[in-house]
């Protein structure tokens, strides 16, 4: 349902800003009053990476008055495929510096407050203090938990999203919503201890265009909350599959009031429920290979061109998932660069009755 506006409007906006944001002014239900609410808004963005980059650009373009950006990292060339706020010339520089530069050239009246430090459970509350709402674009569940706990304790609405490979989830958490609206927090979607160590982008990859799509959704949720238009995703989770071009919605209620029989699934994007495969070390892999096991390398061709284990069968993960029957029915030891893709392949093979294990830590751990 629609919620009351989160932010009181600024007294006025400049003539230049009114001209720059003129297409907002003619939106039904938005108008100048909505633009003045954005001008008065203070938004904290956690991370200036794959999600934070499009979020920051969208908020600045929309005319948000103050954006606090919390990130301790530097720009790497591999970031540029999806982290669109940064440029080639920013490689090696702090991410918050390129954010300041980009926003200044896009929305001169938006203030960027860079915070070049790592957010932890110890400093999270202090870093988000003063924000009207928080958008979490971080890339580890440890950081997401610290952000969610700080927002829960402060009663600050949290716009939350996660992207992995070709999949994404977007929702809004709020421990102290307006009267009559049930609170929903991260623990209602992912109870404590339900999420193990998740693979990183370097392990399994991420579609850059999906980051832009989800970043736009996160920014839209923030704008809806600030201005009071539309229906935010509070109590709903948007689940996106970019390969199938589908977006579906899962209802989310507070855990203490949820009927376990009707509870929505709490499975991370792209995750499966099959048993974890056995992990082996390099000596055990060699022993299994001598006994007739197949060593299956699921890396991409550009990776296997650099190095492979002798005798390996090369089938990229995407090809294997599309046609698992091409894998020999013998015992299989699956390898990849760091283990995450091998784990996913092994689970698929186990589900089909093939004895599959994985090289612990991947090839990177044994070079």
Protein backbone atom coordinates (compact mmCIF):
# COMPACT_ATOMS: atom_id res chain seq x y z
CA UNK A 1 0.00 0.00 0.00
CA UNK A 2 1.14 3.64 -0.43
CA UNK A 3 3.05 5.07 2.54
CA UNK A 4 3.24 8.66 3.81
CA UNK A 5 6.18 10.68 2.41
CA UNK A 6 9.34 10.03 4.38
CA UNK A 7 10.84 13.51 3.96
CA UNK A 8 9.37 16.97 4.39
CA UNK A 9 9.87 19.15 1.28
CA UNK A 10 12.60 21.76 1.04
CA UNK A 11 11.35 25.33 1.03
CA UNK A 12 12.35 25.80 -2.61
CA UNK A 13 14.61 24.58 -5.39
CA UNK A 14 16.70 26.74 -7.67
CA UNK A 15 15.60 27.75 -11.15
CA UNK A 16 18.44 25.70 -12.62
CA UNK A 17 17.38 22.60 -10.68
CA UNK A 18 13.76 23.15 -11.62
CA UNK A 19 14.79 23.17 -15.28
CA UNK A 20 17.08 20.16 -14.90
CA UNK A 21 14.34 18.04 -13.29
CA UNK A 22 11.44 19.38 -15.38
CA UNK A 23 10.29 15.90 -16.47
CA UNK A 24 9.58 15.04 -12.84
CA UNK A 25 7.37 18.08 -12.42
CA UNK A 26 4.79 16.80 -14.89
CA UNK A 27 4.54 13.32 -13.35
CA UNK A 28 1.06 12.73 -11.93
CA UNK A 29 1.22 12.81 -8.13
CA UNK A 30 4.86 13.91 -8.11
CA UNK A 31 5.15 17.52 -9.21
CA UNK A 32 7.30 20.21 -7.64
CA UNK A 33 6.43 19.09 -4.11
CA UNK A 34 7.93 15.67 -4.84
CA UNK A 35 11.04 17.30 -6.27
CA UNK A 36 11.40 19.44 -3.17
CA UNK A 37 11.16 16.32 -1.02
CA UNK A 38 14.02 14.77 -3.00
CA UNK A 39 16.06 17.95 -2.58
CA UNK A 40 15.67 17.66 1.19
CA UNK A 41 16.40 13.93 1.33
CA UNK A 42 19.52 12.43 2.91
CA UNK A 43 20.29 8.96 1.54
CA UNK A 44 23.16 6.69 2.61
CA UNK A 45 24.44 4.24 -0.02
CA UNK A 46 26.53 1.29 1.14
CA UNK A 47 29.06 0.46 -1.55
CA UNK A 48 30.00 2.15 -4.83
CA UNK A 49 30.22 -1.09 -6.77
CA UNK A 50 27.92 -3.00 -9.10
CA UNK A 51 24.70 -1.92 -7.37
CA UNK A 52 25.88 1.26 -5.70
CA UNK A 53 27.13 2.77 -8.97
CA UNK A 54 23.77 2.91 -10.80
CA UNK A 55 21.99 3.77 -7.54
CA UNK A 56 24.22 6.81 -6.98
CA UNK A 57 23.85 8.03 -10.56
CA UNK A 58 20.06 7.58 -10.48
CA UNK A 59 19.68 9.37 -7.15
CA UNK A 60 21.88 12.25 -8.25
CA UNK A 61 20.06 12.58 -11.58
CA UNK A 62 16.74 12.56 -9.68
CA UNK A 63 17.89 15.51 -7.57
CA UNK A 64 18.43 13.90 -4.15
CA UNK A 65 19.96 16.59 -1.97
CA UNK A 66 22.54 14.61 0.01
CA UNK A 67 24.11 11.21 -0.70
CA UNK A 68 26.48 9.62 1.79
CA UNK A 69 28.62 7.01 0.04
CA UNK A 70 30.37 4.44 2.24
CA UNK A 71 33.11 2.44 0.50
CA UNK A 72 36.75 1.72 1.35
CA UNK A 73 37.78 0.14 -1.97
CA UNK A 74 39.73 1.36 -5.00
CA UNK A 75 38.67 1.05 -8.63
CA UNK A 76 39.98 -2.01 -10.49
CA UNK A 77 39.76 -2.53 -14.23
CA UNK A 78 37.54 -5.58 -13.71
CA UNK A 79 34.99 -3.29 -12.01
CA UNK A 80 34.29 -1.34 -15.19
CA UNK A 81 32.10 -4.05 -16.74
CA UNK A 82 29.30 -3.19 -14.26
CA UNK A 83 30.34 -0.35 -11.93
CA UNK A 84 29.24 2.42 -14.26
CA UNK A 85 30.03 5.40 -12.05
CA UNK A 86 33.77 4.75 -12.59
CA UNK A 87 35.91 5.31 -15.68
CA UNK A 88 39.17 3.92 -17.07
CA UNK A 89 41.02 6.92 -15.69
CA UNK A 90 39.77 6.10 -12.18
CA UNK A 91 41.59 2.74 -11.99
CA UNK A 92 43.68 2.69 -8.83
CA UNK A 93 41.83 5.62 -7.25
CA UNK A 94 39.39 5.40 -4.32
CA UNK A 95 35.87 4.66 -5.50
CA UNK A 96 34.45 7.49 -3.43
CA UNK A 97 36.64 9.94 -5.36
CA UNK A 98 35.21 8.96 -8.73
CA UNK A 99 31.71 9.14 -7.23
CA UNK A 100 32.31 12.75 -6.19
CA UNK A 101 33.55 13.58 -9.69
CA UNK A 102 30.67 11.86 -11.48
CA UNK A 103 27.91 13.38 -9.35
CA UNK A 104 29.37 16.88 -9.65
CA UNK A 105 29.11 16.64 -13.42
CA UNK A 106 25.55 15.29 -13.31
CA UNK A 107 23.78 17.12 -10.50
CA UNK A 108 25.78 20.08 -9.21
CA UNK A 109 23.37 20.75 -6.33
CA UNK A 110 23.61 17.22 -4.92
CA UNK A 111 26.05 16.96 -2.02
CA UNK A 112 28.15 13.80 -1.85
CA UNK A 113 29.52 12.91 1.56
CA UNK A 114 32.28 10.35 0.92
CA UNK A 115 33.14 7.96 3.74
CA UNK A 116 36.19 5.94 2.76
CA UNK A 117 36.03 3.25 5.42
CA UNK A 118 34.79 -0.31 5.73
CA UNK A 119 31.40 -0.64 7.34
CA UNK A 120 31.36 -3.11 10.23
CA UNK A 121 29.01 -4.08 13.01
CA UNK A 122 30.96 -1.71 15.26
CA UNK A 123 30.64 1.45 13.15
CA UNK A 124 27.48 0.85 11.08
CA UNK A 125 25.14 2.89 13.27
CA UNK A 126 27.49 5.86 13.31
CA UNK A 127 27.99 5.75 9.54
CA UNK A 128 24.27 5.81 8.73
CA UNK A 129 23.36 8.33 11.43
CA UNK A 130 21.34 11.20 9.99
CA UNK A 131 20.19 9.32 6.89
CA UNK A 132 16.49 9.34 6.06
CA UNK A 133 16.94 5.95 4.43
CA UNK A 134 19.73 3.53 3.53
CA UNK A 135 20.34 1.63 0.29
CA UNK A 136 22.52 -1.45 0.66
CA UNK A 137 24.63 -2.24 -2.39
CA UNK A 138 27.31 -4.18 -0.51
CA UNK A 139 28.63 -7.52 -1.74
CA UNK A 140 29.10 -9.66 1.39
CA UNK A 141 26.45 -11.03 3.70
CA UNK A 142 28.51 -9.98 6.72
CA UNK A 143 28.22 -6.34 5.64
CA UNK A 144 24.54 -6.71 4.74
CA UNK A 145 23.83 -8.10 8.20
CA UNK A 146 25.67 -5.21 9.89
CA UNK A 147 23.75 -2.67 7.78
CA UNK A 148 20.41 -4.38 8.44
CA UNK A 149 21.04 -4.55 12.20
CA UNK A 150 21.96 -0.86 12.34
CA UNK A 151 18.84 0.13 10.37
CA UNK A 152 16.67 -2.08 12.56
CA UNK A 153 18.00 -0.52 15.75
CA UNK A 154 17.63 3.03 14.43
CA UNK A 155 14.26 2.42 12.76
CA UNK A 156 15.66 3.58 9.40
CA UNK A 157 14.08 2.13 6.23
CA UNK A 158 16.48 -0.07 4.29
CA UNK A 159 16.23 -0.57 0.52
CA UNK A 160 17.96 -3.89 -0.11
CA UNK A 161 19.10 -5.80 -3.15
CA UNK A 162 21.40 -8.64 -4.12
CA UNK A 163 22.70 -9.76 -7.52
CA UNK A 164 24.51 -12.98 -8.43
CA UNK A 165 25.22 -14.31 -11.90
CA UNK A 166 21.89 -13.76 -13.76
CA UNK A 167 19.62 -13.54 -10.70
CA UNK A 168 18.58 -10.81 -8.27
CA UNK A 169 16.32 -9.97 -5.35
CA UNK A 170 15.01 -6.55 -4.31
CA UNK A 171 12.96 -5.60 -1.25
CA UNK A 172 12.48 -3.00 1.50
CA UNK A 173 13.03 -3.63 5.21
CA UNK A 174 11.70 -1.32 7.92
CA UNK A 175 11.57 -2.09 11.63
CA UNK A 176 9.50 1.00 12.51
CA UNK A 177 7.17 1.71 9.58
CA UNK A 178 4.14 4.02 9.85
CA UNK A 179 1.32 2.93 12.16
CA UNK A 180 -0.70 0.04 10.82
CA UNK A 181 2.10 -1.27 8.58
CA UNK A 182 3.73 -4.54 9.76
CA UNK A 183 7.51 -4.28 10.23
CA UNK A 184 9.76 -6.53 8.13
CA UNK A 185 13.51 -6.98 8.64
CA UNK A 186 16.34 -8.95 7.04
CA UNK A 187 15.92 -11.78 9.56
CA UNK A 188 12.44 -12.42 8.20
CA UNK A 189 13.89 -13.21 4.77
CA UNK A 190 17.14 -14.82 5.90
CA UNK A 191 17.03 -16.00 9.53
CA UNK A 192 20.31 -15.88 11.44
CA UNK A 193 22.56 -18.76 10.43
CA UNK A 194 20.55 -19.65 7.31
CA UNK A 195 23.11 -18.22 4.87
CA UNK A 196 26.58 -19.67 4.59
CA UNK A 197 29.55 -18.23 2.71
CA UNK A 198 28.29 -16.95 -0.64
CA UNK A 199 30.40 -16.95 -3.81
CA UNK A 200 31.75 -13.60 -4.96
CA UNK A 201 31.46 -11.99 -8.40
CA UNK A 202 35.01 -13.11 -9.16
CA UNK A 203 33.98 -16.71 -8.39
CA UNK A 204 30.79 -17.02 -10.45
CA UNK A 205 30.47 -13.76 -12.38
CA UNK A 206 27.62 -11.28 -12.66
CA UNK A 207 25.77 -9.82 -15.65
CA UNK A 208 26.68 -6.13 -15.77
CA UNK A 209 23.39 -5.06 -17.34
CA UNK A 210 21.47 -6.76 -14.51
CA UNK A 211 23.35 -4.62 -11.97
CA UNK A 212 22.13 -1.52 -13.78
CA UNK A 213 18.56 -2.83 -13.84
CA UNK A 214 18.56 -3.68 -10.14
CA UNK A 215 20.32 -0.43 -9.21
CA UNK A 216 17.53 1.44 -10.98
CA UNK A 217 14.95 -0.53 -8.99
CA UNK A 218 16.69 0.27 -5.71
CA UNK A 219 16.78 3.97 -6.58
CA UNK A 220 13.08 3.87 -7.55
CA UNK A 221 12.19 2.32 -4.19
CA UNK A 222 14.08 5.08 -2.41
CA UNK A 223 12.34 7.78 -4.45
CA UNK A 224 8.93 6.25 -3.71
CA UNK A 225 9.66 6.22 0.02
CA UNK A 226 10.96 9.80 0.07
CA UNK A 227 8.07 11.26 -1.92
CA UNK A 228 5.21 9.01 -0.82
CA UNK A 229 4.22 7.89 -4.33
CA UNK A 230 3.48 4.35 -5.45
CA UNK A 231 3.75 1.17 -3.38
CA UNK A 232 7.21 0.32 -2.02
CA UNK A 233 8.38 -3.30 -1.81
CA UNK A 234 7.85 -3.44 1.95
CA UNK A 235 6.48 -6.91 2.65
CA UNK A 236 7.25 -8.09 -0.88
CA UNK A 237 10.39 -9.48 -2.53
CA UNK A 238 10.95 -9.01 -6.26
CA UNK A 239 12.84 -12.01 -7.68
CA UNK A 240 14.47 -11.47 -11.08
CA UNK A 241 15.77 -14.05 -13.56
CA UNK A 242 17.42 -12.10 -16.36
CA UNK A 243 18.04 -15.15 -18.55
CA UNK A 244 14.35 -16.04 -18.58
CA UNK A 245 13.37 -12.35 -18.64
CA UNK A 246 11.02 -12.94 -15.68
CA UNK A 247 10.24 -11.02 -12.53
CA UNK A 248 8.01 -12.50 -9.87
CA UNK A 249 6.94 -11.40 -6.43
CA UNK A 250 7.06 -13.28 -3.12
CA UNK A 251 5.12 -11.99 -0.07
CA UNK A 252 7.19 -11.50 3.06
CA UNK A 253 5.84 -11.23 6.59
CA UNK A 254 7.43 -10.96 10.01
CA UNK A 255 8.81 -14.35 11.06
CA UNK A 256 6.98 -14.48 14.38
CA UNK A 257 3.59 -14.20 12.67
CA UNK A 258 4.33 -16.32 9.61
CA UNK A 259 2.55 -19.63 9.12
CA UNK A 260 5.38 -22.11 8.38
CA UNK A 261 3.16 -23.97 5.90
CA UNK A 262 2.77 -20.87 3.75
CA UNK A 263 6.20 -19.36 4.27
CA UNK A 264 7.87 -18.07 1.11
CA UNK A 265 11.12 -19.73 0.13
CA UNK A 266 14.25 -18.21 1.65
CA UNK A 267 16.72 -19.31 -0.97
CA UNK A 268 19.47 -17.00 -2.19
CA UNK A 269 19.43 -16.06 -5.87
CA UNK A 270 20.64 -19.00 -7.91
CA UNK A 271 20.94 -21.31 -4.87
CA UNK A 272 19.88 -24.97 -4.74
CA UNK A 273 18.78 -27.36 -2.00
CA UNK A 274 20.74 -30.49 -2.95
CA UNK A 275 23.32 -31.87 -0.47
CA UNK A 276 26.77 -30.33 -0.43
CA UNK A 277 29.35 -32.34 -2.40
CA UNK A 278 32.37 -33.90 -0.74
CA UNK A 279 35.56 -31.82 -0.96
CA UNK A 280 38.90 -33.43 -1.83
CA UNK A 281 42.46 -32.17 -1.85
CA UNK A 282 44.83 -32.41 -4.79
CA UNK A 283 46.36 -35.72 -3.64
CA UNK A 284 42.89 -37.25 -3.30
CA UNK A 285 41.98 -35.94 -6.75
CA UNK A 286 45.04 -37.64 -8.26
CA UNK A 287 44.20 -40.87 -6.45
CA UNK A 288 40.59 -40.76 -7.70
CA UNK A 289 41.81 -40.05 -11.22
CA UNK A 290 44.10 -43.10 -11.15
CA UNK A 291 41.11 -45.15 -9.99
CA UNK A 292 39.13 -44.11 -13.06
CA UNK A 293 37.40 -40.88 -11.96
CA UNK A 294 36.91 -38.07 -14.46
CA UNK A 295 38.43 -34.68 -13.62
CA UNK A 296 35.89 -32.18 -14.93
CA UNK A 297 37.05 -28.58 -15.41
CA UNK A 298 34.03 -26.21 -15.62
CA UNK A 299 35.94 -22.98 -16.25
CA UNK A 300 35.51 -20.89 -19.39
CA UNK A 301 37.74 -21.45 -22.47
CA UNK A 302 39.83 -18.33 -21.83
CA UNK A 303 40.66 -19.74 -18.37
CA UNK A 304 41.43 -23.30 -19.46
CA UNK A 305 43.67 -21.90 -22.22
CA UNK A 306 46.02 -20.73 -19.48
CA UNK A 307 46.30 -23.96 -17.53
CA UNK A 308 44.54 -27.25 -16.82
CA UNK A 309 45.15 -30.37 -14.79
CA UNK A 310 46.45 -33.18 -17.05
CA UNK A 311 43.68 -35.46 -18.27
CA UNK A 312 40.85 -33.03 -17.49
CA UNK A 313 37.60 -33.01 -19.43
CA UNK A 314 36.72 -29.39 -20.28
CA UNK A 315 33.03 -28.44 -20.12
CA UNK A 316 32.17 -24.83 -19.16
CA UNK A 317 29.58 -24.58 -16.38
CA UNK A 318 26.91 -23.06 -18.63
CA UNK A 319 27.26 -25.89 -21.14
CA UNK A 320 27.12 -28.49 -18.38
CA UNK A 321 23.96 -27.02 -16.86
CA UNK A 322 22.34 -26.89 -20.30
CA UNK A 323 23.20 -30.54 -21.03
CA UNK A 324 24.31 -32.50 -17.92
CA UNK A 325 24.01 -35.80 -19.80
CA UNK A 326 27.25 -35.08 -21.65
CA UNK A 327 29.19 -35.78 -18.43
CA UNK A 328 30.48 -39.38 -18.12
CA UNK A 329 28.55 -41.51 -15.60
CA UNK A 330 31.80 -42.41 -13.82
CA UNK A 331 32.79 -40.77 -10.51
CA UNK A 332 33.65 -37.13 -11.18
CA UNK A 333 35.90 -34.62 -9.43
CA UNK A 334 34.88 -31.10 -10.50
CA UNK A 335 37.37 -28.23 -10.55
CA UNK A 336 37.17 -24.51 -11.27
CA UNK A 337 39.20 -21.45 -10.31
CA UNK A 338 38.10 -21.06 -6.68
CA UNK A 339 35.47 -23.70 -6.04
CA UNK A 340 32.10 -21.97 -6.36
CA UNK A 341 31.36 -23.05 -9.92
CA UNK A 342 32.62 -26.56 -9.20
CA UNK A 343 30.27 -26.76 -6.24
CA UNK A 344 27.28 -25.77 -8.37
CA UNK A 345 28.20 -28.27 -11.09
CA UNK A 346 28.72 -31.05 -8.56
CA UNK A 347 25.31 -30.41 -7.00
CA UNK A 348 23.69 -30.70 -10.42
CA UNK A 349 25.50 -33.99 -11.06
CA UNK A 350 24.64 -35.34 -7.59
CA UNK A 351 20.99 -34.57 -8.25
CA UNK A 352 21.27 -36.77 -11.35
CA UNK A 353 22.82 -39.67 -9.48
CA UNK A 354 26.43 -39.08 -10.51
CA UNK A 355 29.10 -39.46 -7.80
CA UNK A 356 30.59 -35.94 -7.84
CA UNK A 357 33.09 -34.27 -5.53
CA UNK A 358 34.97 -30.96 -5.79
CA UNK A 359 38.56 -29.82 -5.44
CA UNK A 360 38.55 -27.77 -2.26
CA UNK A 361 39.54 -24.14 -2.80
CA UNK A 362 39.71 -24.61 -6.56
CA UNK A 363 42.83 -24.52 -8.71
CA UNK A 364 43.85 -21.17 -7.24
CA UNK A 365 44.45 -22.84 -3.86
CA UNK A 366 46.73 -25.53 -5.35
CA UNK A 367 48.84 -23.73 -7.95
